[in-house]
């Protein structure tokens, strides 16, 4: 095999590779943390039958958020190909959606009660939302750059 053919084989292998060890460990940690949080939410929700409706809705929302993070981590861990930062874009979108939900709830608490804790929660929600938007923008840029690089490598391999 020539050096060029060996290089092409190595590039193909890298392009079809799996997650790095660091990424796998991160997703395992996410899976464990989100599973534990979801289990706690569901157990609290089920063992307190006389909760007010808005508390039950909050527990339901937190349970769905936890299940969403569990699903993302399982998907990323089970992927058998390079994700090209697609997982980061999905996680960024989830973060934006979940922090927007938190911010909306905090703003509703400010409008309903106007207590100092509600103002603090709304301020924290606004900061978290801005951070989530920034993370999503960075993930999109990285995904676009990696996709462009992969396309360039594939065009080069076809020559």
N, C-alpha and C. Protein backbone atom coordinates (compact mmCIF):
# COMPACT_ATOMS: atom_id res chain seq x y z
N UNK A 1 0.84 -1.17 0.00
CA UNK A 1 0.00 0.00 0.00
C UNK A 1 0.90 1.24 0.00
N UNK A 2 0.55 2.22 -0.83
CA UNK A 2 1.35 3.43 -0.90
C UNK A 2 1.06 4.33 0.30
N UNK A 3 1.92 5.29 0.46
CA UNK A 3 1.74 6.23 1.58
C UNK A 3 0.44 7.00 1.43
N UNK A 4 0.08 7.39 0.22
CA UNK A 4 -1.17 8.11 -0.02
C UNK A 4 -2.36 7.24 0.34
N UNK A 5 -2.33 5.98 -0.03
CA UNK A 5 -3.45 5.09 0.28
C UNK A 5 -3.54 4.85 1.78
N UNK A 6 -2.40 4.74 2.43
CA UNK A 6 -2.41 4.58 3.89
C UNK A 6 -3.00 5.82 4.55
N UNK A 7 -2.62 6.98 4.05
CA UNK A 7 -3.16 8.23 4.61
C UNK A 7 -4.67 8.32 4.41
N UNK A 8 -5.12 7.94 3.22
CA UNK A 8 -6.56 7.97 2.95
C UNK A 8 -7.30 7.01 3.87
N UNK A 9 -6.73 5.84 4.09
CA UNK A 9 -7.37 4.87 4.99
C UNK A 9 -7.43 5.41 6.41
N UNK A 10 -6.37 6.08 6.83
CA UNK A 10 -6.37 6.66 8.19
C UNK A 10 -7.41 7.78 8.31
N UNK A 11 -7.53 8.62 7.28
CA UNK A 11 -8.52 9.70 7.30
C UNK A 11 -9.93 9.13 7.36
N UNK A 12 -10.19 8.09 6.56
CA UNK A 12 -11.51 7.45 6.60
C UNK A 12 -11.80 6.88 7.98
N UNK A 13 -10.82 6.25 8.57
CA UNK A 13 -11.00 5.67 9.90
C UNK A 13 -11.30 6.76 10.93
N UNK A 14 -10.58 7.87 10.87
CA UNK A 14 -10.82 8.98 11.78
C UNK A 14 -12.20 9.59 11.57
N UNK A 15 -12.61 9.73 10.31
CA UNK A 15 -13.91 10.34 10.01
C UNK A 15 -15.07 9.48 10.49
N UNK A 16 -14.84 8.18 10.59
CA UNK A 16 -15.90 7.29 11.03
C UNK A 16 -15.72 6.84 12.48
N UNK A 17 -14.80 7.47 13.19
CA UNK A 17 -14.50 7.08 14.55
C UNK A 17 -15.61 7.39 15.54
N UNK A 18 -15.44 6.90 16.73
CA UNK A 18 -16.43 7.10 17.79
C UNK A 18 -16.01 8.26 18.69
N UNK A 19 -16.75 8.44 19.75
CA UNK A 19 -16.45 9.49 20.72
C UNK A 19 -15.10 9.24 21.39
N UNK A 20 -14.46 10.33 21.76
CA UNK A 20 -13.21 10.20 22.50
C UNK A 20 -13.51 9.70 23.91
N UNK A 21 -12.48 9.27 24.61
CA UNK A 21 -12.65 8.80 25.99
C UNK A 21 -13.18 9.94 26.86
N UNK A 22 -12.65 11.13 26.67
CA UNK A 22 -13.10 12.29 27.45
C UNK A 22 -14.59 12.55 27.23
N UNK A 23 -15.02 12.52 25.97
CA UNK A 23 -16.43 12.75 25.67
C UNK A 23 -17.30 11.63 26.24
N UNK A 24 -16.85 10.39 26.12
CA UNK A 24 -17.60 9.27 26.69
C UNK A 24 -17.77 9.42 28.20
N UNK A 25 -16.70 9.77 28.90
CA UNK A 25 -16.78 9.96 30.34
C UNK A 25 -17.74 11.11 30.69
N UNK A 26 -17.71 12.16 29.90
CA UNK A 26 -18.64 13.27 30.12
C UNK A 26 -20.07 12.84 29.97
N UNK A 27 -20.35 12.05 28.93
CA UNK A 27 -21.72 11.58 28.72
C UNK A 27 -22.14 10.55 29.76
N UNK A 28 -21.21 9.76 30.23
CA UNK A 28 -21.54 8.83 31.32
C UNK A 28 -21.90 9.63 32.58
N UNK A 29 -21.12 10.68 32.86
CA UNK A 29 -21.43 11.53 34.02
C UNK A 29 -22.79 12.20 33.85
N UNK A 30 -23.08 12.69 32.65
CA UNK A 30 -24.39 13.29 32.39
C UNK A 30 -25.50 12.27 32.58
N UNK A 31 -25.29 11.06 32.09
CA UNK A 31 -26.29 10.01 32.24
C UNK A 31 -26.55 9.70 33.71
N UNK A 32 -25.50 9.57 34.49
CA UNK A 32 -25.66 9.27 35.91
C UNK A 32 -26.34 10.41 36.65
N UNK A 33 -25.89 11.64 36.41
CA UNK A 33 -26.47 12.79 37.11
C UNK A 33 -27.93 13.01 36.73
N UNK A 34 -28.23 12.95 35.44
CA UNK A 34 -29.61 13.18 35.01
C UNK A 34 -30.53 12.04 35.44
N UNK A 35 -30.02 10.82 35.46
CA UNK A 35 -30.82 9.69 35.94
C UNK A 35 -31.13 9.84 37.43
N UNK A 36 -30.13 10.22 38.20
CA UNK A 36 -30.33 10.41 39.64
C UNK A 36 -31.31 11.54 39.91
N UNK A 37 -31.16 12.66 39.21
CA UNK A 37 -32.06 13.80 39.39
C UNK A 37 -33.49 13.42 39.02
N UNK A 38 -33.63 12.70 37.93
CA UNK A 38 -34.97 12.29 37.49
C UNK A 38 -35.59 11.32 38.48
N UNK A 39 -34.80 10.39 38.99
CA UNK A 39 -35.33 9.44 39.98
C UNK A 39 -35.79 10.16 41.24
N UNK A 40 -35.02 11.15 41.68
CA UNK A 40 -35.40 11.92 42.87
C UNK A 40 -36.69 12.69 42.59
N UNK A 41 -36.79 13.33 41.44
CA UNK A 41 -38.00 14.09 41.10
C UNK A 41 -39.23 13.19 41.06
N UNK A 42 -39.10 12.05 40.39
CA UNK A 42 -40.25 11.14 40.27
C UNK A 42 -40.63 10.59 41.65
N UNK A 43 -39.65 10.24 42.47
CA UNK A 43 -39.98 9.68 43.79
C UNK A 43 -40.65 10.74 44.67
N UNK A 44 -40.18 11.97 44.62
CA UNK A 44 -40.83 13.04 45.38
C UNK A 44 -42.25 13.28 44.87
N UNK A 45 -42.38 13.29 43.58
CA UNK A 45 -43.68 13.55 42.95
C UNK A 45 -44.68 12.46 43.32
N UNK A 46 -44.25 11.20 43.30
CA UNK A 46 -45.17 10.09 43.56
C UNK A 46 -45.48 9.89 45.04
N UNK A 47 -44.57 10.31 45.91
CA UNK A 47 -44.80 10.07 47.34
C UNK A 47 -45.54 11.22 48.02
N UNK A 48 -45.80 12.29 47.31
CA UNK A 48 -46.54 13.42 47.87
C UNK A 48 -47.83 13.61 47.07
N UNK A 49 -48.89 12.90 47.42
CA UNK A 49 -50.11 12.93 46.61
C UNK A 49 -50.91 14.23 46.71
N UNK A 50 -50.68 15.05 47.71
CA UNK A 50 -51.52 16.24 47.89
C UNK A 50 -50.79 17.53 47.52
N UNK A 51 -49.93 17.48 46.56
CA UNK A 51 -49.22 18.67 46.13
C UNK A 51 -50.16 19.58 45.33
N UNK A 52 -49.96 20.88 45.43
CA UNK A 52 -50.76 21.80 44.59
C UNK A 52 -50.48 21.55 43.11
N UNK A 53 -51.40 21.95 42.26
CA UNK A 53 -51.29 21.69 40.83
C UNK A 53 -50.02 22.30 40.24
N UNK A 54 -49.68 23.53 40.62
CA UNK A 54 -48.49 24.15 40.03
C UNK A 54 -47.21 23.43 40.45
N UNK A 55 -47.19 22.85 41.65
CA UNK A 55 -46.03 22.08 42.09
C UNK A 55 -45.96 20.78 41.30
N UNK A 56 -47.09 20.15 41.06
CA UNK A 56 -47.10 18.93 40.25
C UNK A 56 -46.64 19.24 38.82
N UNK A 57 -47.07 20.37 38.27
CA UNK A 57 -46.62 20.77 36.94
C UNK A 57 -45.11 21.00 36.91
N UNK A 58 -44.59 21.63 37.96
CA UNK A 58 -43.14 21.87 38.03
C UNK A 58 -42.38 20.55 38.12
N UNK A 59 -42.87 19.63 38.94
CA UNK A 59 -42.22 18.32 39.04
C UNK A 59 -42.29 17.58 37.70
N UNK A 60 -43.42 17.68 37.04
CA UNK A 60 -43.55 17.05 35.72
C UNK A 60 -42.57 17.64 34.72
N UNK A 61 -42.43 18.97 34.72
CA UNK A 61 -41.49 19.62 33.81
C UNK A 61 -40.06 19.21 34.12
N UNK A 62 -39.70 19.18 35.40
CA UNK A 62 -38.33 18.78 35.77
C UNK A 62 -38.07 17.32 35.42
N UNK A 63 -39.09 16.48 35.54
CA UNK A 63 -38.95 15.07 35.15
C UNK A 63 -38.71 14.96 33.65
N UNK A 64 -39.46 15.71 32.85
CA UNK A 64 -39.26 15.68 31.39
C UNK A 64 -37.89 16.22 31.00
N UNK A 65 -37.42 17.23 31.70
CA UNK A 65 -36.09 17.76 31.43
C UNK A 65 -35.03 16.70 31.73
N UNK A 66 -35.18 16.03 32.87
CA UNK A 66 -34.23 14.96 33.22
C UNK A 66 -34.24 13.83 32.22
N UNK A 67 -35.43 13.43 31.78
CA UNK A 67 -35.54 12.35 30.79
C UNK A 67 -34.90 12.78 29.47
N UNK A 68 -35.04 14.06 29.13
CA UNK A 68 -34.42 14.56 27.90
C UNK A 68 -32.90 14.46 27.96
N UNK A 69 -32.29 14.82 29.11
CA UNK A 69 -30.84 14.71 29.25
C UNK A 69 -30.41 13.24 29.24
N UNK A 70 -31.20 12.37 29.85
CA UNK A 70 -30.89 10.93 29.82
C UNK A 70 -30.90 10.44 28.37
N UNK A 71 -31.92 10.84 27.61
CA UNK A 71 -32.02 10.42 26.21
C UNK A 71 -30.85 10.92 25.38
N UNK A 72 -30.45 12.18 25.59
CA UNK A 72 -29.30 12.71 24.85
C UNK A 72 -28.03 11.93 25.15
N UNK A 73 -27.80 11.66 26.42
CA UNK A 73 -26.57 10.95 26.78
C UNK A 73 -26.57 9.52 26.24
N UNK A 74 -27.71 8.85 26.28
CA UNK A 74 -27.79 7.50 25.73
C UNK A 74 -27.55 7.53 24.22
N UNK A 75 -28.14 8.50 23.54
CA UNK A 75 -27.95 8.62 22.09
C UNK A 75 -26.47 8.85 21.77
N UNK A 76 -25.83 9.77 22.48
CA UNK A 76 -24.43 10.07 22.21
C UNK A 76 -23.53 8.88 22.51
N UNK A 77 -23.82 8.17 23.59
CA UNK A 77 -23.00 7.00 23.94
C UNK A 77 -23.21 5.84 22.99
N UNK A 78 -24.39 5.73 22.42
CA UNK A 78 -24.67 4.60 21.53
C UNK A 78 -24.32 4.89 20.07
N UNK A 79 -23.98 6.13 19.75
CA UNK A 79 -23.62 6.47 18.38
C UNK A 79 -22.36 5.72 17.97
N UNK A 80 -22.38 5.18 16.80
CA UNK A 80 -21.24 4.40 16.32
C UNK A 80 -20.48 5.13 15.22
N UNK A 81 -20.62 6.43 15.21
CA UNK A 81 -19.91 7.24 14.22
C UNK A 81 -19.56 8.58 14.84
N UNK A 82 -18.71 9.32 14.18
CA UNK A 82 -18.34 10.64 14.68
C UNK A 82 -19.56 11.55 14.67
N UNK A 83 -19.76 12.28 15.74
CA UNK A 83 -20.93 13.14 15.85
C UNK A 83 -20.69 14.53 15.26
N UNK A 84 -19.44 14.89 15.00
CA UNK A 84 -19.07 16.17 14.42
C UNK A 84 -19.71 17.34 15.16
N UNK A 85 -19.75 17.27 16.47
CA UNK A 85 -20.28 18.33 17.34
C UNK A 85 -21.79 18.49 17.21
N UNK A 86 -22.46 17.59 16.51
CA UNK A 86 -23.92 17.63 16.42
C UNK A 86 -24.54 17.49 17.81
N UNK A 87 -23.92 16.67 18.65
CA UNK A 87 -24.42 16.50 20.02
C UNK A 87 -24.34 17.79 20.81
N UNK A 88 -23.32 18.61 20.54
CA UNK A 88 -23.20 19.88 21.24
C UNK A 88 -24.29 20.85 20.80
N UNK A 89 -24.64 20.83 19.53
CA UNK A 89 -25.72 21.69 19.03
C UNK A 89 -27.05 21.28 19.67
N UNK A 90 -27.30 19.99 19.73
CA UNK A 90 -28.54 19.50 20.35
C UNK A 90 -28.57 19.86 21.83
N UNK A 91 -27.47 19.65 22.52
CA UNK A 91 -27.40 20.00 23.94
C UNK A 91 -27.58 21.51 24.13
N UNK A 92 -27.03 22.30 23.24
CA UNK A 92 -27.19 23.76 23.31
C UNK A 92 -28.64 24.16 23.13
N UNK A 93 -29.32 23.54 22.18
CA UNK A 93 -30.74 23.83 21.98
C UNK A 93 -31.57 23.43 23.19
N UNK A 94 -31.24 22.28 23.76
CA UNK A 94 -31.95 21.85 24.97
C UNK A 94 -31.71 22.84 26.10
N UNK A 95 -30.48 23.29 26.26
CA UNK A 95 -30.16 24.25 27.32
C UNK A 95 -30.92 25.55 27.13
N UNK A 96 -30.99 26.03 25.90
CA UNK A 96 -31.73 27.26 25.63
C UNK A 96 -33.21 27.07 25.97
N UNK A 97 -33.77 25.96 25.54
CA UNK A 97 -35.20 25.70 25.81
C UNK A 97 -35.47 25.59 27.31
N UNK A 98 -34.61 24.85 28.02
CA UNK A 98 -34.86 24.63 29.45
C UNK A 98 -34.63 25.89 30.27
N UNK A 99 -33.61 26.68 29.91
CA UNK A 99 -33.40 27.92 30.65
C UNK A 99 -34.48 28.94 30.31
N UNK A 100 -34.99 28.91 29.10
CA UNK A 100 -36.12 29.79 28.75
C UNK A 100 -37.35 29.43 29.57
N UNK A 101 -37.58 28.14 29.76
CA UNK A 101 -38.69 27.69 30.59
C UNK A 101 -38.50 28.16 32.04
N UNK A 102 -37.28 28.02 32.56
CA UNK A 102 -36.99 28.49 33.91
C UNK A 102 -37.20 30.00 34.02
N UNK A 103 -36.70 30.73 33.04
CA UNK A 103 -36.84 32.19 33.05
C UNK A 103 -38.31 32.60 33.00
N UNK A 104 -39.09 31.92 32.17
CA UNK A 104 -40.53 32.22 32.08
C UNK A 104 -41.22 31.96 33.42
N UNK A 105 -40.87 30.87 34.07
CA UNK A 105 -41.45 30.58 35.38
C UNK A 105 -41.05 31.60 36.42
N UNK A 106 -39.80 32.04 36.39
CA UNK A 106 -39.33 33.05 37.34
C UNK A 106 -40.00 34.39 37.09
N UNK A 107 -40.18 34.74 35.83
CA UNK A 107 -40.87 36.00 35.51
C UNK A 107 -42.33 35.92 35.96
N UNK A 108 -42.95 34.76 35.77
CA UNK A 108 -44.33 34.58 36.25
C UNK A 108 -44.38 34.73 37.77
N UNK A 109 -43.39 34.21 38.47
CA UNK A 109 -43.35 34.34 39.93
C UNK A 109 -43.18 35.80 40.34
N UNK A 110 -42.39 36.55 39.58
CA UNK A 110 -42.22 37.98 39.86
C UNK A 110 -43.56 38.71 39.67
N UNK A 111 -44.24 38.39 38.57
CA UNK A 111 -45.51 39.07 38.28
C UNK A 111 -46.61 38.70 39.27
N UNK A 112 -46.58 37.46 39.76
CA UNK A 112 -47.62 37.02 40.70
C UNK A 112 -47.36 37.49 42.13
N UNK A 113 -46.12 37.39 42.56
CA UNK A 113 -45.84 37.68 43.96
C UNK A 113 -44.93 38.85 44.19
N UNK A 114 -43.97 39.03 43.34
CA UNK A 114 -43.05 40.13 43.47
C UNK A 114 -42.10 40.05 44.65
N UNK A 115 -41.86 38.87 45.17
CA UNK A 115 -40.95 38.70 46.31
C UNK A 115 -39.51 38.80 45.84
N UNK A 116 -38.63 39.06 46.78
CA UNK A 116 -37.21 39.23 46.46
C UNK A 116 -36.61 37.96 45.85
N UNK A 117 -37.02 36.80 46.34
CA UNK A 117 -36.49 35.55 45.80
C UNK A 117 -36.88 35.37 44.34
N UNK A 118 -38.08 35.81 43.97
CA UNK A 118 -38.51 35.70 42.58
C UNK A 118 -37.66 36.59 41.68
N UNK A 119 -37.34 37.80 42.16
CA UNK A 119 -36.47 38.69 41.39
C UNK A 119 -35.08 38.07 41.22
N UNK A 120 -34.57 37.46 42.28
CA UNK A 120 -33.27 36.79 42.20
C UNK A 120 -33.29 35.63 41.22
N UNK A 121 -34.37 34.86 41.25
CA UNK A 121 -34.50 33.74 40.33
C UNK A 121 -34.59 34.23 38.88
N UNK A 122 -35.32 35.32 38.67
CA UNK A 122 -35.44 35.87 37.31
C UNK A 122 -34.09 36.39 36.82
N UNK A 123 -33.35 37.04 37.69
CA UNK A 123 -32.02 37.54 37.30
C UNK A 123 -31.09 36.36 36.97
N UNK A 124 -31.11 35.34 37.82
CA UNK A 124 -30.28 34.15 37.56
C UNK A 124 -30.72 33.47 36.27
N UNK A 125 -32.02 33.40 36.03
CA UNK A 125 -32.54 32.80 34.80
C UNK A 125 -32.10 33.57 33.57
N UNK A 126 -32.08 34.89 33.67
CA UNK A 126 -31.63 35.70 32.53
C UNK A 126 -30.15 35.46 32.23
N UNK A 127 -29.34 35.36 33.28
CA UNK A 127 -27.91 35.07 33.08
C UNK A 127 -27.72 33.68 32.47
N UNK A 128 -28.44 32.70 33.01
CA UNK A 128 -28.32 31.33 32.47
C UNK A 128 -28.79 31.27 31.02
N UNK A 129 -29.85 32.00 30.69
CA UNK A 129 -30.36 32.02 29.32
C UNK A 129 -29.33 32.63 28.37
N UNK A 130 -28.71 33.73 28.79
CA UNK A 130 -27.68 34.36 27.96
C UNK A 130 -26.49 33.41 27.76
N UNK A 131 -26.11 32.71 28.82
CA UNK A 131 -25.01 31.74 28.70
C UNK A 131 -25.39 30.60 27.77
N UNK A 132 -26.61 30.12 27.87
CA UNK A 132 -27.06 29.03 27.00
C UNK A 132 -27.06 29.47 25.54
N UNK A 133 -27.49 30.70 25.27
CA UNK A 133 -27.46 31.22 23.90
C UNK A 133 -26.03 31.29 23.37
N UNK A 134 -25.11 31.71 24.22
CA UNK A 134 -23.69 31.80 23.81
C UNK A 134 -23.11 30.41 23.52
N UNK A 135 -23.43 29.45 24.38
CA UNK A 135 -22.95 28.07 24.17
C UNK A 135 -23.52 27.51 22.87
N UNK A 136 -24.80 27.76 22.61
CA UNK A 136 -25.41 27.27 21.37
C UNK A 136 -24.75 27.90 20.15
N UNK A 137 -24.48 29.18 20.20
CA UNK A 137 -23.83 29.85 19.06
C UNK A 137 -22.44 29.26 18.82
N UNK A 138 -21.69 29.00 19.88
CA UNK A 138 -20.37 28.39 19.73
C UNK A 138 -20.45 26.98 19.18
N UNK A 139 -21.45 26.22 19.63
CA UNK A 139 -21.62 24.85 19.14
C UNK A 139 -21.98 24.85 17.66
N UNK A 140 -22.80 25.79 17.25
CA UNK A 140 -23.16 25.88 15.82
C UNK A 140 -21.95 26.21 14.97
N UNK A 141 -21.14 27.17 15.45
CA UNK A 141 -19.92 27.53 14.70
C UNK A 141 -19.00 26.32 14.57
N UNK A 142 -18.80 25.60 15.65
CA UNK A 142 -17.92 24.42 15.64
C UNK A 142 -18.46 23.35 14.71
N UNK A 143 -19.77 23.11 14.75
CA UNK A 143 -20.39 22.11 13.88
C UNK A 143 -20.21 22.49 12.42
N UNK A 144 -20.45 23.76 12.10
CA UNK A 144 -20.29 24.20 10.71
C UNK A 144 -18.84 24.07 10.25
N UNK A 145 -17.89 24.40 11.11
CA UNK A 145 -16.48 24.29 10.76
C UNK A 145 -16.08 22.83 10.54
N UNK A 146 -16.52 21.96 11.43
CA UNK A 146 -16.18 20.54 11.28
C UNK A 146 -16.85 19.93 10.05
N UNK A 147 -18.09 20.32 9.78
CA UNK A 147 -18.78 19.80 8.60
C UNK A 147 -18.09 20.26 7.33
N UNK A 148 -17.68 21.53 7.30
CA UNK A 148 -16.96 22.03 6.13
C UNK A 148 -15.63 21.30 5.95
N UNK A 149 -14.94 21.05 7.04
CA UNK A 149 -13.65 20.34 6.96
C UNK A 149 -13.86 18.91 6.47
N UNK A 150 -14.90 18.26 6.97
CA UNK A 150 -15.17 16.89 6.54
C UNK A 150 -15.50 16.84 5.05
N UNK A 151 -16.31 17.78 4.59
CA UNK A 151 -16.64 17.84 3.16
C UNK A 151 -15.40 18.06 2.31
N UNK A 152 -14.51 18.93 2.78
CA UNK A 152 -13.26 19.18 2.04
C UNK A 152 -12.42 17.92 1.99
N UNK A 153 -12.34 17.20 3.10
CA UNK A 153 -11.56 15.95 3.11
C UNK A 153 -12.20 14.90 2.21
N UNK A 154 -13.53 14.82 2.21
CA UNK A 154 -14.19 13.85 1.34
C UNK A 154 -13.97 14.18 -0.13
N UNK A 155 -14.01 15.49 -0.49
CA UNK A 155 -13.72 15.88 -1.88
C UNK A 155 -12.29 15.51 -2.24
N UNK A 156 -11.36 15.70 -1.32
CA UNK A 156 -9.96 15.37 -1.56
C UNK A 156 -9.78 13.86 -1.74
N UNK A 157 -10.52 13.10 -0.97
CA UNK A 157 -10.42 11.64 -1.08
C UNK A 157 -10.96 11.13 -2.42
N UNK A 158 -11.91 11.82 -3.00
CA UNK A 158 -12.52 11.38 -4.25
C UNK A 158 -11.61 11.61 -5.45
N UNK A 159 -10.61 12.46 -5.30
CA UNK A 159 -9.70 12.74 -6.42
C UNK A 159 -8.81 11.58 -6.72
